[in-house]
N, C-alpha and C. Protein backbone atom coordinates (compact mmCIF):
# COMPACT_ATOMS: atom_id res chain seq x y z
N MET A 1 94.14 100.58 143.49
CA MET A 1 95.32 101.44 143.46
C MET A 1 95.23 102.46 142.32
N GLY A 2 94.01 102.78 141.91
CA GLY A 2 93.82 103.73 140.82
C GLY A 2 93.83 103.03 139.47
N GLY A 3 93.92 103.82 138.38
CA GLY A 3 93.92 103.24 137.04
C GLY A 3 95.33 103.16 136.48
N THR A 4 95.44 102.60 135.27
CA THR A 4 96.76 102.45 134.66
C THR A 4 97.42 103.80 134.40
N LYS A 5 96.61 104.80 134.05
CA LYS A 5 97.15 106.14 133.78
C LYS A 5 97.10 107.03 135.03
N THR A 6 96.41 106.57 136.06
CA THR A 6 96.28 107.39 137.27
C THR A 6 96.50 106.54 138.53
N PRO A 7 97.64 105.88 138.65
CA PRO A 7 97.87 105.06 139.85
C PRO A 7 97.98 105.94 141.09
N ASP A 8 97.49 105.41 142.21
CA ASP A 8 97.58 106.12 143.48
C ASP A 8 98.95 105.80 144.08
N LEU A 9 99.93 106.63 143.79
CA LEU A 9 101.30 106.36 144.21
C LEU A 9 101.43 106.32 145.73
N ALA A 10 100.69 107.17 146.42
CA ALA A 10 100.76 107.19 147.88
C ALA A 10 100.24 105.88 148.47
N ALA A 11 99.14 105.38 147.91
CA ALA A 11 98.58 104.12 148.40
C ALA A 11 99.52 102.96 148.12
N ILE A 12 100.17 102.98 146.95
CA ILE A 12 101.12 101.92 146.62
C ILE A 12 102.30 101.96 147.59
N ARG A 13 102.78 103.14 147.89
CA ARG A 13 103.90 103.26 148.82
C ARG A 13 103.52 102.78 150.22
N THR A 14 102.29 103.00 150.61
CA THR A 14 101.83 102.55 151.93
C THR A 14 101.91 101.03 152.04
N LEU A 15 101.66 100.34 150.95
CA LEU A 15 101.71 98.88 150.95
C LEU A 15 103.14 98.34 150.98
N ALA A 16 104.12 99.17 150.65
CA ALA A 16 105.53 98.78 150.64
C ALA A 16 105.75 97.47 149.89
N PRO A 17 105.39 97.40 148.61
CA PRO A 17 105.51 96.14 147.87
C PRO A 17 106.97 95.73 147.66
N ASP A 18 107.20 94.42 147.59
CA ASP A 18 108.52 93.91 147.27
C ASP A 18 108.82 94.07 145.78
N LEU A 19 107.75 94.08 144.98
CA LEU A 19 107.91 94.14 143.53
C LEU A 19 106.68 94.79 142.92
N VAL A 20 106.89 95.66 141.94
CA VAL A 20 105.78 96.30 141.22
C VAL A 20 105.90 95.93 139.75
N PHE A 21 104.84 95.33 139.21
CA PHE A 21 104.79 95.02 137.78
C PHE A 21 104.15 96.18 137.05
N MET A 22 104.80 96.64 135.99
CA MET A 22 104.27 97.73 135.19
C MET A 22 104.45 97.40 133.72
N ASN A 23 103.73 98.13 132.89
CA ASN A 23 103.79 97.89 131.45
C ASN A 23 104.05 99.20 130.73
N ALA A 24 105.03 99.19 129.84
CA ALA A 24 105.45 100.43 129.17
C ALA A 24 104.36 101.00 128.28
N GLU A 25 103.46 100.15 127.81
CA GLU A 25 102.39 100.61 126.94
C GLU A 25 101.24 101.21 127.73
N GLU A 26 100.97 100.65 128.90
CA GLU A 26 99.81 101.07 129.69
C GLU A 26 100.14 102.15 130.72
N ASN A 27 101.32 102.07 131.31
CA ASN A 27 101.66 102.98 132.40
C ASN A 27 102.54 104.13 131.92
N ARG A 28 102.38 105.28 132.52
CA ARG A 28 103.16 106.46 132.14
C ARG A 28 104.59 106.35 132.66
N LEU A 29 105.52 106.86 131.85
CA LEU A 29 106.92 106.81 132.23
C LEU A 29 107.16 107.53 133.55
N SER A 30 106.47 108.64 133.78
CA SER A 30 106.66 109.39 135.02
C SER A 30 106.30 108.54 136.24
N ASP A 31 105.25 107.72 136.12
CA ASP A 31 104.84 106.86 137.24
C ASP A 31 105.82 105.70 137.42
N ILE A 32 106.30 105.16 136.30
CA ILE A 32 107.30 104.09 136.38
C ILE A 32 108.55 104.60 137.11
N GLU A 33 109.01 105.79 136.71
CA GLU A 33 110.22 106.35 137.32
C GLU A 33 110.00 106.68 138.79
N ALA A 34 108.81 107.18 139.13
CA ALA A 34 108.53 107.54 140.52
C ALA A 34 108.56 106.31 141.43
N LEU A 35 107.96 105.22 140.97
CA LEU A 35 107.93 104.00 141.80
C LEU A 35 109.28 103.31 141.81
N ALA A 36 110.02 103.42 140.70
CA ALA A 36 111.34 102.77 140.64
C ALA A 36 112.33 103.39 141.60
N ARG A 37 112.08 104.62 142.04
CA ARG A 37 112.98 105.25 143.01
C ARG A 37 112.88 104.58 144.39
N ASP A 38 111.74 103.93 144.65
CA ASP A 38 111.51 103.37 145.98
C ASP A 38 111.38 101.84 146.00
N PHE A 39 111.04 101.26 144.85
CA PHE A 39 110.75 99.82 144.84
C PHE A 39 111.39 99.14 143.63
N ALA A 40 111.47 97.83 143.71
CA ALA A 40 111.86 97.04 142.55
C ALA A 40 110.69 97.06 141.56
N VAL A 41 110.96 97.47 140.33
CA VAL A 41 109.90 97.59 139.32
C VAL A 41 110.28 96.76 138.10
N ASP A 42 109.35 95.94 137.65
CA ASP A 42 109.55 95.17 136.42
C ASP A 42 108.66 95.79 135.35
N VAL A 43 109.26 96.21 134.23
CA VAL A 43 108.51 96.85 133.15
C VAL A 43 108.51 95.93 131.94
N SER A 44 107.34 95.60 131.45
CA SER A 44 107.21 94.72 130.28
C SER A 44 106.62 95.48 129.11
N HIS A 45 106.92 95.00 127.90
CA HIS A 45 106.34 95.58 126.69
C HIS A 45 106.55 94.61 125.52
N PRO A 46 105.88 93.47 125.54
CA PRO A 46 106.05 92.52 124.44
C PRO A 46 105.40 93.04 123.16
N ARG A 47 106.11 92.94 122.06
CA ARG A 47 105.56 93.33 120.76
C ARG A 47 105.26 92.11 119.90
N LEU A 48 105.82 90.97 120.26
CA LEU A 48 105.62 89.73 119.52
C LEU A 48 105.04 88.68 120.45
N VAL A 49 104.24 87.79 119.90
CA VAL A 49 103.72 86.69 120.71
C VAL A 49 104.89 85.84 121.22
N ALA A 50 105.95 85.75 120.41
CA ALA A 50 107.13 84.98 120.82
C ALA A 50 107.84 85.60 122.02
N ASP A 51 107.54 86.87 122.34
CA ASP A 51 108.11 87.50 123.53
C ASP A 51 107.48 86.99 124.81
N VAL A 52 106.30 86.38 124.71
CA VAL A 52 105.52 86.02 125.90
C VAL A 52 106.17 84.91 126.72
N PRO A 53 106.60 83.78 126.14
CA PRO A 53 107.18 82.73 126.98
C PRO A 53 108.37 83.20 127.81
N PRO A 54 109.38 83.90 127.24
CA PRO A 54 110.46 84.37 128.11
C PRO A 54 110.00 85.38 129.16
N LEU A 55 108.96 86.16 128.82
CA LEU A 55 108.41 87.12 129.78
C LEU A 55 107.79 86.37 130.96
N LEU A 56 107.01 85.33 130.67
CA LEU A 56 106.39 84.55 131.74
C LEU A 56 107.43 83.85 132.60
N ARG A 57 108.48 83.36 131.95
CA ARG A 57 109.55 82.71 132.73
C ARG A 57 110.23 83.73 133.65
N ARG A 58 110.39 84.96 133.17
CA ARG A 58 110.96 86.01 134.02
C ARG A 58 110.04 86.28 135.21
N PHE A 59 108.74 86.37 134.95
CA PHE A 59 107.80 86.58 136.05
C PHE A 59 107.92 85.44 137.06
N GLY A 60 108.07 84.21 136.54
CA GLY A 60 108.20 83.06 137.43
C GLY A 60 109.42 83.16 138.32
N ARG A 61 110.55 83.58 137.75
CA ARG A 61 111.77 83.73 138.54
C ARG A 61 111.61 84.82 139.60
N LEU A 62 110.97 85.90 139.21
CA LEU A 62 110.83 87.03 140.13
C LEU A 62 109.90 86.72 141.30
N THR A 63 108.96 85.82 141.08
CA THR A 63 107.95 85.53 142.11
C THR A 63 108.12 84.16 142.76
N GLY A 64 109.17 83.44 142.38
CA GLY A 64 109.37 82.11 142.94
C GLY A 64 108.35 81.10 142.46
N ARG A 65 107.84 81.30 141.25
CA ARG A 65 106.83 80.38 140.69
C ARG A 65 107.32 79.83 139.35
N GLU A 66 108.57 79.38 139.33
CA GLU A 66 109.17 78.93 138.08
C GLU A 66 108.43 77.77 137.45
N GLU A 67 107.99 76.81 138.25
CA GLU A 67 107.33 75.62 137.69
C GLU A 67 106.04 76.00 136.99
N GLU A 68 105.22 76.82 137.65
CA GLU A 68 103.96 77.24 137.04
C GLU A 68 104.22 78.05 135.77
N ALA A 69 105.21 78.92 135.83
CA ALA A 69 105.53 79.75 134.66
C ALA A 69 106.00 78.89 133.50
N GLU A 70 106.77 77.85 133.79
CA GLU A 70 107.27 76.98 132.73
C GLU A 70 106.13 76.23 132.05
N VAL A 71 105.16 75.79 132.82
CA VAL A 71 104.00 75.08 132.24
C VAL A 71 103.27 75.99 131.26
N ILE A 72 102.98 77.20 131.68
CA ILE A 72 102.23 78.12 130.81
C ILE A 72 103.08 78.55 129.61
N SER A 73 104.35 78.82 129.85
CA SER A 73 105.24 79.22 128.75
C SER A 73 105.31 78.15 127.68
N SER A 74 105.40 76.90 128.11
CA SER A 74 105.47 75.79 127.16
C SER A 74 104.17 75.69 126.36
N LYS A 75 103.04 75.94 127.00
CA LYS A 75 101.76 75.90 126.28
C LYS A 75 101.70 77.00 125.23
N VAL A 76 102.21 78.19 125.57
CA VAL A 76 102.22 79.27 124.58
C VAL A 76 103.12 78.90 123.41
N GLU A 77 104.28 78.34 123.69
CA GLU A 77 105.19 77.93 122.62
C GLU A 77 104.56 76.86 121.74
N GLU A 78 103.84 75.92 122.35
CA GLU A 78 103.15 74.89 121.57
C GLU A 78 102.06 75.52 120.71
N GLY A 79 101.36 76.52 121.26
CA GLY A 79 100.32 77.20 120.50
C GLY A 79 100.89 77.96 119.32
N ILE A 80 102.05 78.60 119.51
CA ILE A 80 102.70 79.31 118.41
C ILE A 80 103.10 78.33 117.32
N ALA A 81 103.71 77.21 117.72
CA ALA A 81 104.14 76.21 116.74
C ALA A 81 102.95 75.64 115.97
N ARG A 82 101.84 75.43 116.67
CA ARG A 82 100.65 74.85 116.03
C ARG A 82 100.08 75.81 114.99
N ILE A 83 99.98 77.08 115.34
CA ILE A 83 99.40 78.04 114.40
C ILE A 83 100.34 78.27 113.22
N GLU A 84 101.65 78.20 113.46
CA GLU A 84 102.61 78.36 112.36
C GLU A 84 102.55 77.19 111.38
N ARG A 85 102.29 76.00 111.89
CA ARG A 85 102.18 74.83 111.00
C ARG A 85 101.00 74.96 110.04
N GLY A 86 99.95 75.60 110.50
CA GLY A 86 98.76 75.74 109.66
C GLY A 86 98.72 77.00 108.83
N ARG A 87 99.77 77.81 108.92
CA ARG A 87 99.80 79.10 108.24
C ARG A 87 100.22 78.92 106.78
N PRO A 88 99.55 79.60 105.85
CA PRO A 88 99.96 79.52 104.44
C PRO A 88 101.30 80.19 104.22
N ALA A 89 101.97 79.82 103.13
CA ALA A 89 103.30 80.38 102.84
C ALA A 89 103.24 81.89 102.64
N GLN A 90 102.16 82.39 102.05
CA GLN A 90 101.98 83.81 101.82
C GLN A 90 100.78 84.33 102.63
N PRO A 91 100.81 85.59 103.08
CA PRO A 91 99.66 86.13 103.80
C PRO A 91 98.37 85.95 103.00
N SER A 92 97.32 85.52 103.69
CA SER A 92 96.08 85.19 102.98
C SER A 92 94.95 86.19 103.22
N PHE A 93 95.14 87.15 104.13
CA PHE A 93 94.09 88.16 104.33
C PHE A 93 94.70 89.42 104.93
N ARG A 94 94.05 90.54 104.66
CA ARG A 94 94.48 91.85 105.16
C ARG A 94 93.57 92.22 106.33
N CYS A 95 94.20 92.56 107.44
CA CYS A 95 93.43 92.75 108.67
C CYS A 95 93.72 94.11 109.30
N LEU A 96 92.71 94.67 109.96
CA LEU A 96 92.86 95.94 110.66
C LEU A 96 92.10 95.86 111.99
N TYR A 97 92.68 96.45 113.02
CA TYR A 97 92.13 96.39 114.37
C TYR A 97 91.98 97.81 114.91
N LEU A 98 90.74 98.24 115.12
CA LEU A 98 90.49 99.57 115.68
C LEU A 98 90.54 99.52 117.20
N VAL A 99 91.02 100.61 117.81
CA VAL A 99 91.06 100.67 119.27
C VAL A 99 90.28 101.85 119.83
N TRP A 100 89.92 102.82 118.96
CA TRP A 100 89.23 104.00 119.49
C TRP A 100 88.39 104.65 118.39
N LYS A 101 87.45 105.46 118.85
CA LYS A 101 86.53 106.17 117.95
C LYS A 101 86.48 107.63 118.38
N ASN A 102 86.43 108.51 117.39
CA ASN A 102 86.38 109.97 117.65
C ASN A 102 87.58 110.43 118.49
N PRO A 103 88.78 110.39 117.98
CA PRO A 103 89.14 110.03 116.60
C PRO A 103 89.36 108.53 116.44
N TRP A 104 89.32 108.09 115.18
CA TRP A 104 89.62 106.69 114.90
C TRP A 104 91.09 106.43 115.19
N MET A 105 91.35 105.35 115.91
CA MET A 105 92.72 104.93 116.18
C MET A 105 92.83 103.44 115.91
N ILE A 106 93.98 103.02 115.42
CA ILE A 106 94.19 101.61 115.08
C ILE A 106 95.37 101.05 115.87
N ALA A 107 95.42 99.74 115.98
CA ALA A 107 96.62 99.07 116.48
C ALA A 107 97.63 99.06 115.35
N GLY A 108 98.78 99.70 115.56
CA GLY A 108 99.78 99.84 114.50
C GLY A 108 100.49 98.54 114.15
N HIS A 109 101.31 98.61 113.12
CA HIS A 109 101.93 97.41 112.59
C HIS A 109 103.05 96.85 113.46
N ARG A 110 103.47 97.59 114.52
CA ARG A 110 104.53 97.11 115.40
C ARG A 110 103.99 96.58 116.72
N THR A 111 102.68 96.42 116.82
CA THR A 111 102.07 96.00 118.09
C THR A 111 101.92 94.48 118.18
N TYR A 112 101.68 94.05 119.41
CA TYR A 112 101.39 92.64 119.70
C TYR A 112 100.19 92.16 118.87
N VAL A 113 99.18 93.01 118.75
CA VAL A 113 97.99 92.66 117.96
C VAL A 113 98.36 92.33 116.52
N ALA A 114 99.19 93.17 115.92
CA ALA A 114 99.59 92.95 114.53
C ALA A 114 100.37 91.66 114.38
N ASP A 115 101.16 91.30 115.40
CA ASP A 115 101.90 90.04 115.32
C ASP A 115 100.97 88.84 115.36
N LEU A 116 99.86 88.95 116.07
CA LEU A 116 98.86 87.88 116.04
C LEU A 116 98.32 87.69 114.62
N PHE A 117 98.08 88.82 113.91
CA PHE A 117 97.65 88.71 112.50
C PHE A 117 98.67 87.90 111.71
N ARG A 118 99.93 88.29 111.85
CA ARG A 118 100.98 87.65 111.06
C ARG A 118 101.11 86.17 111.38
N LEU A 119 101.01 85.83 112.65
CA LEU A 119 101.10 84.42 113.02
C LEU A 119 100.00 83.60 112.36
N ALA A 120 98.82 84.20 112.24
CA ALA A 120 97.67 83.49 111.68
C ALA A 120 97.67 83.49 110.15
N GLY A 121 98.64 84.19 109.54
CA GLY A 121 98.69 84.21 108.09
C GLY A 121 98.10 85.46 107.49
N GLY A 122 97.89 86.48 108.30
CA GLY A 122 97.35 87.73 107.80
C GLY A 122 98.43 88.79 107.68
N VAL A 123 98.04 89.96 107.26
CA VAL A 123 98.96 91.10 107.16
C VAL A 123 98.19 92.35 107.56
N HIS A 124 98.87 93.26 108.23
CA HIS A 124 98.27 94.52 108.64
C HIS A 124 97.94 95.33 107.39
N SER A 125 96.72 95.76 107.24
CA SER A 125 96.31 96.41 106.00
C SER A 125 96.99 97.78 105.80
N PHE A 126 97.56 98.35 106.87
CA PHE A 126 98.27 99.61 106.75
C PHE A 126 99.77 99.40 106.55
N GLU A 127 100.25 98.17 106.62
CA GLU A 127 101.69 97.94 106.76
C GLU A 127 102.50 98.55 105.63
N GLU A 128 102.02 98.45 104.40
CA GLU A 128 102.79 98.98 103.28
C GLU A 128 102.72 100.50 103.19
N LYS A 129 101.67 101.09 103.74
CA LYS A 129 101.46 102.53 103.58
C LYS A 129 101.78 103.32 104.84
N GLU A 130 101.85 102.63 105.97
CA GLU A 130 101.96 103.34 107.23
C GLU A 130 103.39 103.81 107.45
N SER A 131 103.57 105.12 107.48
CA SER A 131 104.91 105.68 107.69
C SER A 131 105.19 105.87 109.17
N SER A 132 104.14 105.94 109.98
CA SER A 132 104.32 106.16 111.41
C SER A 132 104.67 104.87 112.12
N ASP A 133 105.58 104.97 113.09
CA ASP A 133 105.89 103.85 113.95
C ASP A 133 105.13 103.93 115.26
N ALA A 134 104.16 104.82 115.34
CA ALA A 134 103.34 104.93 116.55
C ALA A 134 102.60 103.62 116.77
N ASP A 135 102.51 103.22 118.01
CA ASP A 135 101.82 101.97 118.31
C ASP A 135 100.32 102.06 118.00
N TYR A 136 99.74 103.22 118.28
CA TYR A 136 98.30 103.37 118.06
C TYR A 136 98.04 104.70 117.34
N PRO A 137 98.35 104.75 116.05
CA PRO A 137 98.21 106.01 115.32
C PRO A 137 96.75 106.43 115.12
N VAL A 138 96.56 107.73 115.10
CA VAL A 138 95.25 108.30 114.77
C VAL A 138 95.11 108.28 113.25
N THR A 139 93.92 107.93 112.78
CA THR A 139 93.68 107.90 111.34
C THR A 139 92.28 108.46 111.07
N ASP A 140 91.79 108.25 109.86
CA ASP A 140 90.46 108.75 109.52
C ASP A 140 89.73 107.72 108.67
N GLU A 141 88.45 107.97 108.48
CA GLU A 141 87.62 107.01 107.76
C GLU A 141 88.13 106.76 106.34
N GLU A 142 88.50 107.81 105.64
CA GLU A 142 88.96 107.65 104.26
C GLU A 142 90.21 106.76 104.17
N THR A 143 91.15 106.97 105.09
CA THR A 143 92.38 106.18 105.07
C THR A 143 92.09 104.72 105.39
N ILE A 144 91.17 104.48 106.31
CA ILE A 144 90.79 103.10 106.64
C ILE A 144 90.18 102.42 105.41
N LEU A 145 89.30 103.13 104.71
CA LEU A 145 88.68 102.56 103.52
C LEU A 145 89.72 102.29 102.43
N MET A 146 90.65 103.21 102.28
CA MET A 146 91.68 103.05 101.25
C MET A 146 92.64 101.91 101.56
N SER A 147 92.79 101.56 102.84
CA SER A 147 93.68 100.46 103.20
C SER A 147 93.09 99.10 102.80
N ASP A 148 91.80 99.08 102.49
CA ASP A 148 91.13 97.90 101.92
C ASP A 148 91.29 96.65 102.78
N PRO A 149 90.89 96.70 104.06
CA PRO A 149 91.00 95.49 104.88
C PRO A 149 90.00 94.42 104.44
N GLU A 150 90.38 93.19 104.58
CA GLU A 150 89.46 92.06 104.34
C GLU A 150 88.84 91.59 105.64
N VAL A 151 89.45 91.99 106.76
CA VAL A 151 88.91 91.72 108.09
C VAL A 151 89.09 92.99 108.92
N LEU A 152 88.02 93.45 109.53
CA LEU A 152 88.07 94.61 110.43
C LEU A 152 87.60 94.14 111.80
N LEU A 153 88.48 94.22 112.80
CA LEU A 153 88.14 93.78 114.14
C LEU A 153 87.80 94.97 115.02
N LEU A 154 86.69 94.87 115.74
CA LEU A 154 86.21 95.92 116.63
C LEU A 154 86.13 95.34 118.04
N PRO A 155 87.07 95.69 118.92
CA PRO A 155 87.09 95.11 120.26
C PRO A 155 86.14 95.80 121.23
N ASP A 156 86.01 95.20 122.41
CA ASP A 156 85.14 95.79 123.44
C ASP A 156 85.92 96.60 124.47
N GLU A 157 87.23 96.76 124.26
CA GLU A 157 88.04 97.64 125.08
C GLU A 157 89.35 97.93 124.36
N PRO A 158 89.97 99.10 124.53
CA PRO A 158 89.61 100.16 125.49
C PRO A 158 88.34 100.93 125.13
N TYR A 159 88.01 101.00 123.83
CA TYR A 159 86.71 101.56 123.45
C TYR A 159 85.75 100.39 123.24
N ARG A 160 84.55 100.50 123.76
CA ARG A 160 83.58 99.40 123.63
C ARG A 160 82.79 99.59 122.33
N PHE A 161 83.30 99.00 121.25
CA PHE A 161 82.57 99.04 119.99
C PHE A 161 81.32 98.18 120.10
N SER A 162 80.30 98.58 119.36
CA SER A 162 79.00 97.91 119.44
C SER A 162 78.57 97.44 118.05
N GLU A 163 77.45 96.76 118.01
CA GLU A 163 76.89 96.31 116.74
C GLU A 163 76.57 97.51 115.85
N ARG A 164 76.25 98.63 116.46
CA ARG A 164 76.00 99.84 115.67
C ARG A 164 77.27 100.27 114.92
N ASP A 165 78.43 100.17 115.60
CA ASP A 165 79.69 100.49 114.94
C ASP A 165 80.00 99.49 113.82
N ALA A 166 79.70 98.22 114.09
CA ALA A 166 79.93 97.21 113.06
C ALA A 166 79.07 97.50 111.83
N ALA A 167 77.81 97.90 112.06
CA ALA A 167 76.92 98.22 110.95
C ALA A 167 77.44 99.44 110.17
N PHE A 168 78.00 100.41 110.88
CA PHE A 168 78.58 101.60 110.24
C PHE A 168 79.63 101.18 109.22
N TRP A 169 80.56 100.30 109.64
CA TRP A 169 81.64 99.90 108.75
C TRP A 169 81.18 98.93 107.68
N ARG A 170 80.22 98.08 107.99
CA ARG A 170 79.70 97.17 106.96
C ARG A 170 79.04 97.95 105.83
N GLY A 171 78.49 99.11 106.17
CA GLY A 171 77.84 99.92 105.15
C GLY A 171 78.82 100.71 104.29
N ARG A 172 80.09 100.74 104.68
CA ARG A 172 81.09 101.52 103.95
C ARG A 172 82.16 100.67 103.28
N LEU A 173 82.47 99.54 103.88
CA LEU A 173 83.49 98.67 103.31
C LEU A 173 82.86 97.71 102.30
N PRO A 174 83.65 97.15 101.39
CA PRO A 174 83.11 96.18 100.44
C PRO A 174 82.48 94.98 101.16
N ALA A 175 81.53 94.37 100.51
CA ALA A 175 80.80 93.25 101.12
C ALA A 175 81.74 92.10 101.49
N ARG A 176 82.86 91.97 100.79
CA ARG A 176 83.78 90.87 101.09
C ARG A 176 84.55 91.08 102.39
N CYS A 177 84.51 92.30 102.95
CA CYS A 177 85.20 92.57 104.21
C CYS A 177 84.40 92.02 105.38
N ARG A 178 85.04 91.22 106.19
CA ARG A 178 84.42 90.65 107.39
C ARG A 178 84.62 91.62 108.55
N VAL A 179 83.54 92.15 109.09
CA VAL A 179 83.60 93.07 110.24
C VAL A 179 83.15 92.28 111.47
N VAL A 180 84.06 92.17 112.47
CA VAL A 180 83.82 91.27 113.59
C VAL A 180 84.02 91.99 114.92
N LEU A 181 83.04 91.86 115.81
CA LEU A 181 83.18 92.33 117.19
C LEU A 181 83.92 91.25 117.98
N VAL A 182 84.99 91.64 118.69
CA VAL A 182 85.81 90.65 119.38
C VAL A 182 86.11 91.10 120.81
N PRO A 183 86.42 90.15 121.71
CA PRO A 183 86.88 90.52 123.05
C PRO A 183 88.28 91.11 122.98
N GLY A 184 88.44 92.33 123.46
CA GLY A 184 89.74 92.98 123.38
C GLY A 184 90.82 92.27 124.16
N ASP A 185 90.45 91.63 125.30
CA ASP A 185 91.50 90.99 126.09
C ASP A 185 92.08 89.76 125.39
N ASP A 186 91.33 89.14 124.49
CA ASP A 186 91.89 88.02 123.72
C ASP A 186 92.98 88.49 122.77
N TRP A 187 92.82 89.68 122.23
CA TRP A 187 93.71 90.16 121.18
C TRP A 187 94.83 91.06 121.68
N CYS A 188 94.61 91.75 122.77
CA CYS A 188 95.59 92.76 123.23
C CYS A 188 96.38 92.34 124.47
N TRP A 189 95.80 91.50 125.30
CA TRP A 189 96.45 91.19 126.57
C TRP A 189 97.45 90.06 126.37
N HIS A 190 98.67 90.31 126.79
CA HIS A 190 99.70 89.30 126.65
C HIS A 190 99.75 88.42 127.90
N GLY A 191 100.86 87.73 128.11
CA GLY A 191 100.96 86.84 129.27
C GLY A 191 100.12 85.60 129.08
N VAL A 192 99.44 85.18 130.14
CA VAL A 192 98.61 83.98 130.08
C VAL A 192 97.54 84.10 129.00
N ARG A 193 97.04 85.32 128.76
CA ARG A 193 96.00 85.52 127.75
C ARG A 193 96.47 85.23 126.33
N ALA A 194 97.77 85.09 126.14
CA ALA A 194 98.27 84.75 124.80
C ALA A 194 97.69 83.44 124.31
N LEU A 195 97.38 82.53 125.23
CA LEU A 195 96.78 81.25 124.82
C LEU A 195 95.44 81.49 124.14
N ARG A 196 94.62 82.36 124.71
CA ARG A 196 93.33 82.67 124.10
C ARG A 196 93.51 83.48 122.83
N GLY A 197 94.53 84.36 122.81
CA GLY A 197 94.79 85.14 121.61
C GLY A 197 95.15 84.26 120.43
N LEU A 198 95.98 83.25 120.67
CA LEU A 198 96.36 82.33 119.60
C LEU A 198 95.15 81.56 119.09
N GLU A 199 94.29 81.13 119.99
CA GLU A 199 93.07 80.43 119.57
C GLU A 199 92.17 81.35 118.75
N ALA A 200 92.04 82.60 119.19
CA ALA A 200 91.18 83.56 118.48
C ALA A 200 91.73 83.83 117.08
N ALA A 201 93.05 84.00 116.98
CA ALA A 201 93.66 84.28 115.67
C ALA A 201 93.52 83.09 114.74
N ALA A 202 93.71 81.88 115.26
CA ALA A 202 93.59 80.68 114.43
C ALA A 202 92.15 80.50 113.95
N SER A 203 91.19 80.76 114.81
CA SER A 203 89.77 80.62 114.44
C SER A 203 89.39 81.63 113.38
N LEU A 204 89.88 82.87 113.53
CA LEU A 204 89.58 83.90 112.55
C LEU A 204 90.17 83.53 111.20
N ALA A 205 91.43 83.10 111.19
CA ALA A 205 92.08 82.73 109.92
C ALA A 205 91.35 81.57 109.25
N ALA A 206 90.91 80.58 110.03
CA ALA A 206 90.19 79.45 109.46
C ALA A 206 88.88 79.90 108.84
N ALA A 207 88.18 80.81 109.52
CA ALA A 207 86.90 81.30 109.00
C ALA A 207 87.10 82.09 107.72
N VAL A 208 88.17 82.89 107.65
CA VAL A 208 88.45 83.67 106.44
C VAL A 208 88.78 82.74 105.28
N ARG A 209 89.63 81.77 105.52
CA ARG A 209 90.03 80.87 104.45
C ARG A 209 88.88 79.98 103.98
N ALA A 210 87.93 79.72 104.87
CA ALA A 210 86.80 78.85 104.51
C ALA A 210 85.91 79.46 103.45
N VAL A 211 85.90 80.81 103.39
CA VAL A 211 85.04 81.48 102.41
C VAL A 211 85.83 82.11 101.28
N ALA A 212 87.15 81.90 101.30
CA ALA A 212 88.00 82.51 100.27
C ALA A 212 87.78 81.82 98.92
């Protein structure tokens, strides 16, 4: 049915769906409004991991799959509680997550990604300095270096960062900064993927604290 930014509206209309799931971060408002004129549209935009269980329960109600949704929602809630129990009282590492290159773009401090940092005991390295509330602000190399991250995450989507990119940043950041290539869907995708995101965040925090 096309891409997230280029959905084939005519093809979607031909299918006459009972329900269309859309995401405010991924899909354009114009496309959401166009489909909402003809179909029931559910628009999601979780900014916190804690938003995921009620979101999944809503999906369950909308699709008649309440039991399955409750099972997964409960697992996410258990995962959140588990990671919170192991979290230090004060943030223990400064973290930054890049999403694009040329220009450099980061996951901002109000995103789902940043909340994963916080749950694991980290803090967004731009949080004190970032005046923009943009979800994915454009920045530059100097500003990234000045933010002094202790962990720099380079995902494989939407931009596919490579070992060459990791080497670029390792050569510029202090040796104590951990530069890690990560699966983007573990860190950015909400819903059922929150289970993997919580595991990834907990593993990263444990690795950072082990060498602190």
